[in-house]
C-alpha cells in the first residue's frame, strides 16, 4: 500500500527489541509508543502481548498514515488508531499508563524533546511502570563505535540540534523527574536498550 513506509532498520532490530520487552512490559495494561515512525515496530510487538492495548503516536502526518496502513495490514485487535502527538507540546493526554516505548527518538530530535519526554512520562506512568528507550548513546568511559560517530556527524549535518545523547546526562534528567537508575542492555549494531522505572 502506498501509505505504508518501510524502514530497513526495523527488520534488523525488532526481534532483538522484542526479546528485551518480554522482560520489561507487564502481562496486561495500556502501553504508549512515542514517535512510532513507520508503525512497523508496534504491529510486530502487539501479537506477542495480546493483553496489552498499544497506543502508537507520532507528530508527523506521513508517519500517522503509515501507521494506519500497517495496522490495517496486521489486523491486530490490541492496537488502537494512532494519535498525532508531539511530546514538546505541553500537557500529555495520557494518565496511568502501564508502559511507554520510545525507539530511536532521542538522537533524531532536539534535546528539548528528550526533556519533554522525561517530564511527560513521569507524569503519565504508574509507579513502577517502565519507560523503554532504544538507540545509540554515548557513555562515559566507553569508546563510541566509529559507526556511531559517523552516524552522529550525519545527523548533525541534517539538523544541528540532533545527535547522539550522553546516557549519563539522560539518566540524571530522568532521575530528577522521578525515575530510578536505568537498567541497560547491550544490543546489536552498537545500540542500547534502556529501561527507566517510575519511582
N, C-alpha and C. Protein backbone atom coordinates (compact mmCIF):
# COMPACT_ATOMS: atom_id res chain seq x y z
N UNK A 1 0.85 -1.20 0.00
CA UNK A 1 0.00 0.00 0.00
C UNK A 1 0.88 1.24 0.00
N UNK A 2 0.50 2.27 -0.76
CA UNK A 2 1.37 3.44 -0.92
C UNK A 2 1.59 4.25 0.35
N UNK A 3 0.66 4.16 1.31
CA UNK A 3 0.81 4.97 2.51
C UNK A 3 1.76 4.36 3.52
N UNK A 4 2.11 3.08 3.35
CA UNK A 4 2.98 2.43 4.32
C UNK A 4 4.45 2.72 4.03
N UNK A 5 5.17 3.12 5.08
CA UNK A 5 6.61 3.35 5.00
C UNK A 5 7.32 2.10 5.49
N UNK A 6 8.40 1.74 4.83
CA UNK A 6 9.23 0.63 5.28
C UNK A 6 10.59 1.17 5.70
N UNK A 7 10.95 0.95 6.95
CA UNK A 7 12.25 1.37 7.48
C UNK A 7 13.14 0.14 7.60
N UNK A 8 14.19 0.01 6.80
CA UNK A 8 15.02 -1.20 6.80
C UNK A 8 15.56 -1.58 8.17
N UNK A 9 15.85 -0.60 9.02
CA UNK A 9 16.42 -0.91 10.34
C UNK A 9 15.45 -1.70 11.21
N UNK A 10 14.15 -1.54 10.97
CA UNK A 10 13.17 -2.23 11.80
C UNK A 10 13.32 -3.74 11.69
N UNK A 11 13.49 -4.23 10.47
CA UNK A 11 13.63 -5.68 10.28
C UNK A 11 14.86 -6.22 10.98
N UNK A 12 15.87 -5.37 11.15
CA UNK A 12 17.11 -5.82 11.80
C UNK A 12 17.01 -5.79 13.32
N UNK A 13 16.22 -4.87 13.88
CA UNK A 13 16.24 -4.72 15.33
C UNK A 13 14.98 -5.18 16.06
N UNK A 14 13.88 -5.41 15.36
CA UNK A 14 12.61 -5.63 16.04
C UNK A 14 12.58 -6.88 16.91
N UNK A 15 13.21 -7.97 16.45
CA UNK A 15 13.20 -9.19 17.26
C UNK A 15 14.10 -9.07 18.48
N UNK A 16 15.21 -8.35 18.34
CA UNK A 16 16.09 -8.12 19.49
C UNK A 16 15.39 -7.26 20.53
N UNK A 17 14.68 -6.24 20.07
CA UNK A 17 13.92 -5.39 20.99
C UNK A 17 12.81 -6.19 21.66
N UNK A 18 12.12 -7.00 20.87
CA UNK A 18 11.03 -7.81 21.41
C UNK A 18 11.51 -8.69 22.56
N UNK A 19 12.68 -9.29 22.43
CA UNK A 19 13.19 -10.15 23.49
C UNK A 19 13.40 -9.37 24.78
N UNK A 20 13.86 -8.13 24.67
CA UNK A 20 14.02 -7.31 25.87
C UNK A 20 12.65 -6.94 26.44
N UNK A 21 11.72 -6.56 25.57
CA UNK A 21 10.39 -6.14 26.03
C UNK A 21 9.65 -7.27 26.75
N UNK A 22 9.94 -8.51 26.40
CA UNK A 22 9.29 -9.63 27.09
C UNK A 22 9.56 -9.60 28.59
N UNK A 23 10.72 -9.07 28.98
CA UNK A 23 11.06 -8.98 30.38
C UNK A 23 10.79 -7.62 30.99
N UNK A 24 10.22 -6.72 30.19
CA UNK A 24 10.01 -5.35 30.65
C UNK A 24 8.53 -4.98 30.76
N UNK A 25 7.76 -5.32 29.74
CA UNK A 25 6.35 -4.92 29.72
C UNK A 25 5.52 -5.81 30.65
N UNK A 26 4.42 -5.27 31.17
CA UNK A 26 3.54 -6.07 32.04
C UNK A 26 2.76 -7.09 31.22
N UNK A 27 2.08 -8.00 31.91
CA UNK A 27 1.26 -9.00 31.23
C UNK A 27 0.05 -8.38 30.55
N UNK A 28 -0.44 -7.29 31.13
CA UNK A 28 -1.62 -6.62 30.57
C UNK A 28 -1.55 -5.14 30.90
N UNK A 29 -2.42 -4.36 30.26
CA UNK A 29 -2.47 -2.94 30.53
C UNK A 29 -2.43 -2.09 29.29
N UNK A 30 -2.05 -0.84 29.46
CA UNK A 30 -2.02 0.13 28.37
C UNK A 30 -0.60 0.62 28.18
N UNK A 31 -0.09 0.49 26.96
CA UNK A 31 1.28 0.90 26.64
C UNK A 31 1.24 1.92 25.52
N UNK A 32 1.91 3.03 25.73
CA UNK A 32 2.01 4.11 24.75
C UNK A 32 3.33 4.00 24.00
N UNK A 33 3.27 4.14 22.68
CA UNK A 33 4.50 4.22 21.90
C UNK A 33 4.68 5.66 21.42
N UNK A 34 5.79 6.26 21.80
CA UNK A 34 6.12 7.62 21.39
C UNK A 34 6.97 7.57 20.12
N UNK A 35 6.69 8.45 19.17
CA UNK A 35 7.46 8.52 17.92
C UNK A 35 7.46 7.16 17.21
N UNK A 36 6.27 6.68 16.90
CA UNK A 36 6.12 5.35 16.30
C UNK A 36 6.69 5.23 14.90
N UNK A 37 6.93 6.36 14.24
CA UNK A 37 7.55 6.33 12.92
C UNK A 37 6.70 5.60 11.91
N UNK A 38 7.27 4.60 11.25
CA UNK A 38 6.55 3.89 10.20
C UNK A 38 5.38 3.07 10.74
N UNK A 39 5.44 2.67 12.01
CA UNK A 39 4.41 1.81 12.60
C UNK A 39 4.77 0.35 12.57
N UNK A 40 5.92 0.00 12.00
CA UNK A 40 6.31 -1.40 11.87
C UNK A 40 6.64 -2.05 13.21
N UNK A 41 7.18 -1.29 14.14
CA UNK A 41 7.52 -1.88 15.44
C UNK A 41 6.26 -2.30 16.19
N UNK A 42 5.30 -1.42 16.29
CA UNK A 42 4.12 -1.73 17.11
C UNK A 42 3.34 -2.91 16.54
N UNK A 43 3.24 -3.03 15.22
CA UNK A 43 2.50 -4.17 14.67
C UNK A 43 3.27 -5.48 14.84
N UNK A 44 4.59 -5.38 15.00
CA UNK A 44 5.38 -6.58 15.27
C UNK A 44 5.25 -7.01 16.73
N UNK A 45 5.21 -6.04 17.64
CA UNK A 45 5.16 -6.36 19.06
C UNK A 45 3.77 -6.83 19.51
N UNK A 46 2.73 -6.20 19.00
CA UNK A 46 1.38 -6.39 19.55
C UNK A 46 0.92 -7.84 19.63
N UNK A 47 1.13 -8.68 18.61
CA UNK A 47 0.65 -10.07 18.73
C UNK A 47 1.30 -10.86 19.86
N UNK A 48 2.46 -10.42 20.31
CA UNK A 48 3.17 -11.13 21.37
C UNK A 48 2.70 -10.71 22.77
N UNK A 49 1.87 -9.65 22.82
CA UNK A 49 1.35 -9.16 24.10
C UNK A 49 -0.16 -8.94 23.94
N UNK A 50 -0.93 -10.01 23.77
CA UNK A 50 -2.35 -9.86 23.43
C UNK A 50 -3.20 -9.17 24.48
N UNK A 51 -2.73 -9.13 25.73
CA UNK A 51 -3.49 -8.49 26.79
C UNK A 51 -3.09 -7.03 27.01
N UNK A 52 -2.17 -6.53 26.18
CA UNK A 52 -1.78 -5.12 26.26
C UNK A 52 -2.47 -4.35 25.13
N UNK A 53 -2.98 -3.19 25.46
CA UNK A 53 -3.53 -2.28 24.45
C UNK A 53 -2.45 -1.26 24.08
N UNK A 54 -2.02 -1.29 22.83
CA UNK A 54 -0.96 -0.42 22.36
C UNK A 54 -1.53 0.85 21.72
N UNK A 55 -0.93 1.99 22.09
CA UNK A 55 -1.35 3.29 21.56
C UNK A 55 -0.17 3.92 20.82
N UNK A 56 -0.08 3.76 19.50
CA UNK A 56 1.01 4.40 18.75
C UNK A 56 0.74 5.90 18.56
N UNK A 57 1.83 6.68 18.53
CA UNK A 57 1.72 8.12 18.30
C UNK A 57 2.87 8.60 17.43
N UNK A 58 2.70 9.74 16.81
CA UNK A 58 3.78 10.40 16.07
C UNK A 58 3.35 11.83 15.77
N UNK A 59 4.31 12.76 15.67
CA UNK A 59 3.95 14.15 15.35
C UNK A 59 3.87 14.43 13.85
N UNK A 60 4.16 13.41 13.02
CA UNK A 60 4.25 13.63 11.57
C UNK A 60 3.06 12.99 10.85
N UNK A 61 2.41 13.74 9.97
CA UNK A 61 1.22 13.25 9.28
C UNK A 61 1.52 12.04 8.40
N UNK A 62 2.68 12.06 7.73
CA UNK A 62 3.01 10.92 6.87
C UNK A 62 3.22 9.66 7.71
N UNK A 63 3.84 9.82 8.88
CA UNK A 63 4.01 8.67 9.76
C UNK A 63 2.67 8.13 10.24
N UNK A 64 1.75 9.03 10.58
CA UNK A 64 0.43 8.59 11.02
C UNK A 64 -0.26 7.78 9.93
N UNK A 65 -0.16 8.23 8.67
CA UNK A 65 -0.75 7.48 7.55
C UNK A 65 -0.11 6.10 7.42
N UNK A 66 1.20 6.04 7.61
CA UNK A 66 1.91 4.76 7.52
C UNK A 66 1.48 3.82 8.65
N UNK A 67 1.38 4.36 9.86
CA UNK A 67 0.96 3.53 11.00
C UNK A 67 -0.43 2.96 10.73
N UNK A 68 -1.33 3.78 10.23
CA UNK A 68 -2.69 3.30 9.92
C UNK A 68 -2.63 2.18 8.88
N UNK A 69 -1.76 2.34 7.88
CA UNK A 69 -1.63 1.32 6.85
C UNK A 69 -1.14 0.00 7.40
N UNK A 70 -0.12 0.06 8.28
CA UNK A 70 0.41 -1.17 8.86
C UNK A 70 -0.59 -1.82 9.81
N UNK A 71 -1.36 -0.99 10.53
CA UNK A 71 -2.39 -1.54 11.42
C UNK A 71 -3.46 -2.27 10.60
N UNK A 72 -3.88 -1.68 9.50
CA UNK A 72 -4.87 -2.35 8.63
C UNK A 72 -4.33 -3.69 8.15
N UNK A 73 -3.06 -3.70 7.74
CA UNK A 73 -2.45 -4.92 7.24
C UNK A 73 -2.34 -5.99 8.32
N UNK A 74 -1.96 -5.57 9.53
CA UNK A 74 -1.74 -6.52 10.62
C UNK A 74 -3.05 -7.02 11.22
N UNK A 75 -4.05 -6.16 11.23
CA UNK A 75 -5.36 -6.51 11.81
C UNK A 75 -5.23 -7.00 13.26
N UNK A 76 -4.34 -6.37 14.02
CA UNK A 76 -4.18 -6.72 15.43
C UNK A 76 -5.24 -6.00 16.25
N UNK A 77 -6.06 -6.73 16.98
CA UNK A 77 -7.16 -6.09 17.71
C UNK A 77 -6.70 -5.25 18.90
N UNK A 78 -5.45 -5.40 19.32
CA UNK A 78 -4.99 -4.68 20.52
C UNK A 78 -4.14 -3.45 20.18
N UNK A 79 -4.25 -2.94 18.95
CA UNK A 79 -3.61 -1.67 18.59
C UNK A 79 -4.72 -0.68 18.26
N UNK A 80 -4.74 0.44 18.96
CA UNK A 80 -5.75 1.46 18.69
C UNK A 80 -5.25 2.38 17.58
N UNK A 81 -6.13 3.19 17.03
CA UNK A 81 -5.77 4.12 15.97
C UNK A 81 -4.68 5.07 16.44
N UNK A 82 -3.70 5.39 15.60
CA UNK A 82 -2.60 6.27 16.02
C UNK A 82 -3.08 7.69 16.30
N UNK A 83 -2.37 8.31 17.22
CA UNK A 83 -2.69 9.69 17.61
C UNK A 83 -1.55 10.61 17.20
N UNK A 84 -1.91 11.73 16.59
CA UNK A 84 -0.92 12.76 16.29
C UNK A 84 -0.51 13.41 17.61
N UNK A 85 0.76 13.25 17.97
CA UNK A 85 1.19 13.73 19.29
C UNK A 85 2.66 14.11 19.26
N UNK A 86 2.94 15.31 19.75
CA UNK A 86 4.30 15.83 19.85
C UNK A 86 4.61 16.00 21.34
N UNK A 87 5.64 15.33 21.83
CA UNK A 87 5.94 15.36 23.27
C UNK A 87 6.23 16.77 23.78
N UNK A 88 6.66 17.66 22.90
CA UNK A 88 7.05 19.00 23.34
C UNK A 88 5.87 19.96 23.48
N UNK A 89 4.68 19.51 23.11
CA UNK A 89 3.53 20.42 23.08
C UNK A 89 2.68 20.34 24.34
N UNK A 90 3.31 20.67 25.46
CA UNK A 90 2.56 20.83 26.70
C UNK A 90 2.05 19.56 27.32
N UNK A 91 0.86 19.64 27.91
CA UNK A 91 0.31 18.56 28.73
C UNK A 91 0.00 17.31 27.90
N UNK A 92 0.36 16.17 28.47
CA UNK A 92 0.08 14.90 27.80
C UNK A 92 -1.37 14.46 28.04
N UNK A 93 -2.03 13.93 27.02
CA UNK A 93 -3.41 13.45 27.19
C UNK A 93 -3.46 12.00 27.66
N UNK A 94 -2.50 11.58 28.49
CA UNK A 94 -2.43 10.20 28.94
C UNK A 94 -2.18 10.17 30.44
N UNK A 95 -2.82 9.22 31.11
CA UNK A 95 -2.62 9.04 32.55
C UNK A 95 -2.66 7.56 32.89
N UNK A 96 -1.97 7.19 33.96
CA UNK A 96 -1.99 5.83 34.49
C UNK A 96 -1.58 4.78 33.46
N UNK A 97 -0.53 5.07 32.71
CA UNK A 97 -0.03 4.12 31.73
C UNK A 97 0.76 3.01 32.40
N UNK A 98 0.72 1.83 31.77
CA UNK A 98 1.47 0.68 32.28
C UNK A 98 2.84 0.54 31.63
N UNK A 99 3.12 1.38 30.65
CA UNK A 99 4.42 1.36 30.00
C UNK A 99 4.47 2.35 28.85
N UNK A 100 5.70 2.79 28.54
CA UNK A 100 5.95 3.66 27.39
C UNK A 100 7.14 3.11 26.64
N UNK A 101 7.02 3.05 25.31
CA UNK A 101 8.10 2.62 24.43
C UNK A 101 8.49 3.80 23.56
N UNK A 102 9.79 4.05 23.43
CA UNK A 102 10.28 5.15 22.59
C UNK A 102 11.56 4.69 21.90
N UNK A 103 11.44 4.38 20.62
CA UNK A 103 12.55 3.80 19.87
C UNK A 103 13.13 4.83 18.89
N UNK A 104 14.43 5.05 19.00
CA UNK A 104 15.14 5.91 18.04
C UNK A 104 14.56 7.32 17.92
N UNK A 105 14.25 7.93 19.07
CA UNK A 105 13.78 9.31 19.03
C UNK A 105 14.80 10.30 19.57
N UNK A 106 15.48 9.94 20.67
CA UNK A 106 16.25 10.95 21.39
C UNK A 106 17.35 11.58 20.53
N UNK A 107 17.93 10.82 19.61
CA UNK A 107 19.00 11.37 18.79
C UNK A 107 18.50 12.01 17.49
N UNK A 108 17.24 11.76 17.13
CA UNK A 108 16.68 12.35 15.91
C UNK A 108 15.61 13.36 16.31
N UNK A 109 15.95 14.22 17.26
CA UNK A 109 15.07 15.28 17.74
C UNK A 109 15.91 16.23 18.59
N UNK A 110 15.43 17.44 18.80
CA UNK A 110 16.17 18.37 19.67
C UNK A 110 16.20 17.87 21.11
N UNK A 111 17.16 18.32 21.88
CA UNK A 111 17.28 17.91 23.29
C UNK A 111 16.01 18.22 24.06
N UNK A 112 15.32 19.30 23.71
CA UNK A 112 14.10 19.64 24.44
C UNK A 112 13.03 18.55 24.31
N UNK A 113 13.10 17.74 23.25
CA UNK A 113 12.15 16.63 23.10
C UNK A 113 12.43 15.55 24.14
N UNK A 114 13.71 15.28 24.41
CA UNK A 114 14.05 14.32 25.45
C UNK A 114 13.63 14.84 26.82
N UNK A 115 13.84 16.12 27.06
CA UNK A 115 13.41 16.72 28.33
C UNK A 115 11.90 16.58 28.49
N UNK A 116 11.16 16.88 27.41
CA UNK A 116 9.70 16.78 27.47
C UNK A 116 9.24 15.34 27.62
N UNK A 117 9.94 14.43 26.98
CA UNK A 117 9.62 13.00 27.12
C UNK A 117 9.72 12.57 28.57
N UNK A 118 10.80 12.93 29.23
CA UNK A 118 11.00 12.52 30.60
C UNK A 118 9.95 13.12 31.54
N UNK A 119 9.69 14.40 31.38
CA UNK A 119 8.69 15.05 32.23
C UNK A 119 7.31 14.44 32.01
N UNK A 120 6.94 14.28 30.74
CA UNK A 120 5.63 13.76 30.42
C UNK A 120 5.46 12.32 30.86
N UNK A 121 6.48 11.50 30.63
CA UNK A 121 6.41 10.10 31.01
C UNK A 121 6.30 9.95 32.52
N UNK A 122 7.04 10.78 33.26
CA UNK A 122 6.98 10.71 34.72
C UNK A 122 5.58 11.00 35.24
N UNK A 123 4.88 11.89 34.56
CA UNK A 123 3.52 12.23 34.98
C UNK A 123 2.47 11.25 34.51
N UNK A 124 2.78 10.50 33.44
CA UNK A 124 1.77 9.62 32.84
C UNK A 124 1.86 8.17 33.29
N UNK A 125 3.04 7.73 33.75
CA UNK A 125 3.22 6.32 34.10
C UNK A 125 2.78 6.02 35.54
N UNK A 126 2.28 4.82 35.73
CA UNK A 126 2.01 4.34 37.08
C UNK A 126 3.35 4.12 37.80
N UNK A 127 3.31 4.09 39.10
CA UNK A 127 4.53 3.82 39.87
C UNK A 127 5.06 2.44 39.52
N UNK A 128 6.34 2.35 39.25
CA UNK A 128 6.97 1.09 38.89
C UNK A 128 6.89 0.75 37.42
N UNK A 129 6.12 1.49 36.65
CA UNK A 129 5.94 1.20 35.22
C UNK A 129 7.18 1.63 34.43
N UNK A 130 7.47 0.94 33.32
CA UNK A 130 8.70 1.21 32.58
C UNK A 130 8.57 2.24 31.46
N UNK A 131 9.64 3.00 31.31
CA UNK A 131 9.88 3.80 30.10
C UNK A 131 11.03 3.12 29.38
N UNK A 132 10.76 2.59 28.20
CA UNK A 132 11.78 1.85 27.44
C UNK A 132 12.31 2.73 26.31
N UNK A 133 13.62 2.91 26.28
CA UNK A 133 14.28 3.66 25.21
C UNK A 133 15.22 2.72 24.45
N UNK A 134 15.33 2.96 23.15
CA UNK A 134 16.26 2.17 22.33
C UNK A 134 16.97 3.10 21.37
N UNK A 135 18.27 2.85 21.18
CA UNK A 135 19.02 3.62 20.20
C UNK A 135 20.49 3.69 20.57
N UNK A 136 21.27 4.45 19.81
CA UNK A 136 22.70 4.63 20.12
C UNK A 136 22.89 5.77 21.12
N UNK A 137 23.83 5.59 22.02
CA UNK A 137 24.13 6.62 23.02
C UNK A 137 25.63 6.70 23.25
N UNK A 138 26.07 7.86 23.71
CA UNK A 138 27.43 7.99 24.21
C UNK A 138 27.43 7.61 25.69
N UNK A 139 28.53 6.99 26.15
CA UNK A 139 28.66 6.63 27.56
C UNK A 139 30.03 7.01 28.08
N UNK A 140 30.06 7.49 29.30
CA UNK A 140 31.32 7.86 29.92
C UNK A 140 32.22 6.64 30.05
N UNK A 141 33.47 6.80 29.66
CA UNK A 141 34.50 5.75 29.76
C UNK A 141 34.25 4.55 28.86
N UNK A 142 33.33 4.70 27.89
CA UNK A 142 33.09 3.64 26.90
C UNK A 142 33.32 4.26 25.52
N UNK A 143 34.31 3.80 24.77
CA UNK A 143 34.57 4.38 23.45
C UNK A 143 33.34 4.25 22.55
N UNK A 144 33.03 5.33 21.85
CA UNK A 144 31.91 5.31 20.91
C UNK A 144 32.35 4.61 19.63
N UNK A 145 31.56 3.67 19.16
CA UNK A 145 31.91 2.93 17.95
C UNK A 145 32.07 3.89 16.77
N UNK A 146 33.05 3.64 15.90
CA UNK A 146 33.23 4.51 14.72
C UNK A 146 31.96 4.71 13.91
N UNK A 147 31.15 3.65 13.78
CA UNK A 147 29.91 3.77 13.02
C UNK A 147 28.94 4.74 13.69
N UNK A 148 28.94 4.76 15.03
CA UNK A 148 28.07 5.70 15.74
C UNK A 148 28.59 7.12 15.63
N UNK A 149 29.93 7.29 15.61
CA UNK A 149 30.49 8.62 15.41
C UNK A 149 30.10 9.16 14.03
N UNK A 150 30.16 8.29 13.03
CA UNK A 150 29.77 8.70 11.68
C UNK A 150 28.28 9.03 11.62
N UNK A 151 27.48 8.23 12.31
CA UNK A 151 26.05 8.48 12.35
C UNK A 151 25.75 9.81 13.03
N UNK A 152 26.46 10.09 14.12
CA UNK A 152 26.28 11.36 14.82
C UNK A 152 26.58 12.54 13.91
N UNK A 153 27.68 12.46 13.16
CA UNK A 153 28.02 13.54 12.23
C UNK A 153 26.97 13.69 11.14
N UNK A 154 26.47 12.57 10.66
CA UNK A 154 25.42 12.59 9.63
C UNK A 154 24.17 13.29 10.15
N UNK A 155 23.78 12.95 11.39
CA UNK A 155 22.59 13.58 11.98
C UNK A 155 22.77 15.08 12.12
N UNK A 156 23.96 15.51 12.56
CA UNK A 156 24.19 16.93 12.80
C UNK A 156 24.24 17.74 11.50
N UNK A 157 24.59 17.09 10.39
CA UNK A 157 24.54 17.80 9.11
C UNK A 157 23.10 18.01 8.67
N UNK A 158 22.20 17.14 9.12
CA UNK A 158 20.78 17.31 8.79
C UNK A 158 20.11 18.36 9.67
N UNK A 159 20.51 18.36 10.95
CA UNK A 159 19.92 19.30 11.90
C UNK A 159 20.91 19.46 13.05
N UNK A 160 21.35 20.67 13.30
CA UNK A 160 22.37 20.91 14.31
C UNK A 160 21.89 20.58 15.72
N UNK A 161 20.58 20.44 15.92
CA UNK A 161 20.04 20.09 17.24
C UNK A 161 19.93 18.59 17.45
N UNK A 162 20.23 17.80 16.43
CA UNK A 162 20.18 16.35 16.55
C UNK A 162 21.55 15.81 16.95
N UNK A 163 21.61 14.53 17.27
CA UNK A 163 22.88 13.89 17.59
C UNK A 163 22.75 12.92 18.74
N UNK A 164 23.75 12.04 18.87
CA UNK A 164 23.75 11.06 19.95
C UNK A 164 23.79 11.76 21.31
N UNK A 165 22.99 11.25 22.24
CA UNK A 165 22.93 11.82 23.58
C UNK A 165 23.85 11.07 24.53
N UNK A 166 24.30 11.76 25.54
CA UNK A 166 25.12 11.16 26.58
C UNK A 166 24.20 10.45 27.58
N UNK A 167 24.38 9.15 27.75
CA UNK A 167 23.49 8.37 28.59
C UNK A 167 23.49 8.85 30.03
N UNK A 168 24.63 9.27 30.54
CA UNK A 168 24.68 9.73 31.93
C UNK A 168 23.84 10.99 32.11
N UNK A 169 23.85 11.87 31.12
CA UNK A 169 23.05 13.10 31.21
C UNK A 169 21.57 12.76 31.12
N UNK A 170 21.22 11.85 30.22
CA UNK A 170 19.83 11.41 30.10
C UNK A 170 19.37 10.78 31.42
N UNK A 171 20.24 10.00 32.04
CA UNK A 171 19.90 9.34 33.30
C UNK A 171 19.70 10.36 34.43
N UNK A 172 20.55 11.36 34.50
CA UNK A 172 20.41 12.41 35.51
C UNK A 172 19.08 13.13 35.33
N UNK A 173 18.75 13.44 34.08
CA UNK A 173 17.48 14.08 33.78
C UNK A 173 16.32 13.21 34.25
N UNK A 174 16.36 11.94 33.89
CA UNK A 174 15.27 11.02 34.25
C UNK A 174 15.10 10.93 35.77
N UNK A 175 16.21 10.80 36.49
CA UNK A 175 16.12 10.68 37.93
C UNK A 175 15.63 11.96 38.58
N UNK A 176 15.89 13.10 37.94
CA UNK A 176 15.45 14.37 38.50
C UNK A 176 13.94 14.55 38.46
N UNK A 177 13.25 13.79 37.57
CA UNK A 177 11.80 13.93 37.45
C UNK A 177 11.05 12.72 38.01
N UNK A 178 11.76 11.78 38.63
CA UNK A 178 11.07 10.72 39.34
C UNK A 178 11.32 9.30 38.89
N UNK A 179 12.36 9.08 38.07
CA UNK A 179 12.69 7.72 37.65
C UNK A 179 13.86 7.18 38.46
N UNK A 180 13.94 5.86 38.53
CA UNK A 180 15.07 5.19 39.16
C UNK A 180 16.23 5.10 38.16
N UNK A 181 17.38 4.66 38.63
CA UNK A 181 18.52 4.46 37.74
C UNK A 181 18.15 3.41 36.69
N UNK A 182 18.68 3.55 35.48
CA UNK A 182 18.24 2.66 34.40
C UNK A 182 18.86 1.27 34.43
N UNK A 183 18.12 0.32 33.86
CA UNK A 183 18.67 -0.97 33.51
C UNK A 183 19.09 -0.90 32.04
N UNK A 184 20.31 -1.33 31.74
CA UNK A 184 20.87 -1.16 30.40
C UNK A 184 21.20 -2.53 29.81
N UNK A 185 20.78 -2.74 28.57
CA UNK A 185 21.08 -3.98 27.86
C UNK A 185 21.80 -3.64 26.56
N UNK A 186 22.96 -4.24 26.36
CA UNK A 186 23.69 -4.06 25.11
C UNK A 186 22.92 -4.73 23.98
N UNK A 187 22.82 -4.04 22.86
CA UNK A 187 22.08 -4.54 21.71
C UNK A 187 23.00 -4.61 20.48
N UNK A 188 22.59 -5.34 19.45
CA UNK A 188 23.40 -5.39 18.23
C UNK A 188 23.58 -4.01 17.59
N UNK A 189 24.60 -3.90 16.76
CA UNK A 189 24.89 -2.68 16.00
C UNK A 189 25.13 -1.47 16.89
N UNK A 190 25.72 -1.70 18.07
CA UNK A 190 26.12 -0.61 18.98
C UNK A 190 24.96 0.23 19.48
N UNK A 191 23.82 -0.43 19.67
CA UNK A 191 22.66 0.23 20.26
C UNK A 191 22.48 -0.25 21.70
N UNK A 192 21.60 0.44 22.42
CA UNK A 192 21.29 0.09 23.80
C UNK A 192 19.79 0.02 24.01
N UNK A 193 19.37 -0.89 24.88
CA UNK A 193 18.02 -0.86 25.44
C UNK A 193 18.16 -0.29 26.84
N UNK A 194 17.37 0.73 27.14
CA UNK A 194 17.45 1.43 28.42
C UNK A 194 16.06 1.45 29.05
N UNK A 195 15.96 0.97 30.27
CA UNK A 195 14.67 0.92 30.95
C UNK A 195 14.74 1.76 32.22
N UNK A 196 13.91 2.81 32.24
CA UNK A 196 13.73 3.62 33.45
C UNK A 196 12.39 3.22 34.05
N UNK A 197 12.35 3.04 35.36
CA UNK A 197 11.08 2.75 36.02
C UNK A 197 10.68 3.91 36.94
N UNK A 198 9.39 4.19 36.92
CA UNK A 198 8.85 5.30 37.71
C UNK A 198 8.93 4.95 39.19
N UNK A 199 9.53 5.86 39.95
CA UNK A 199 9.60 5.66 41.40
C UNK A 199 8.22 5.75 42.01
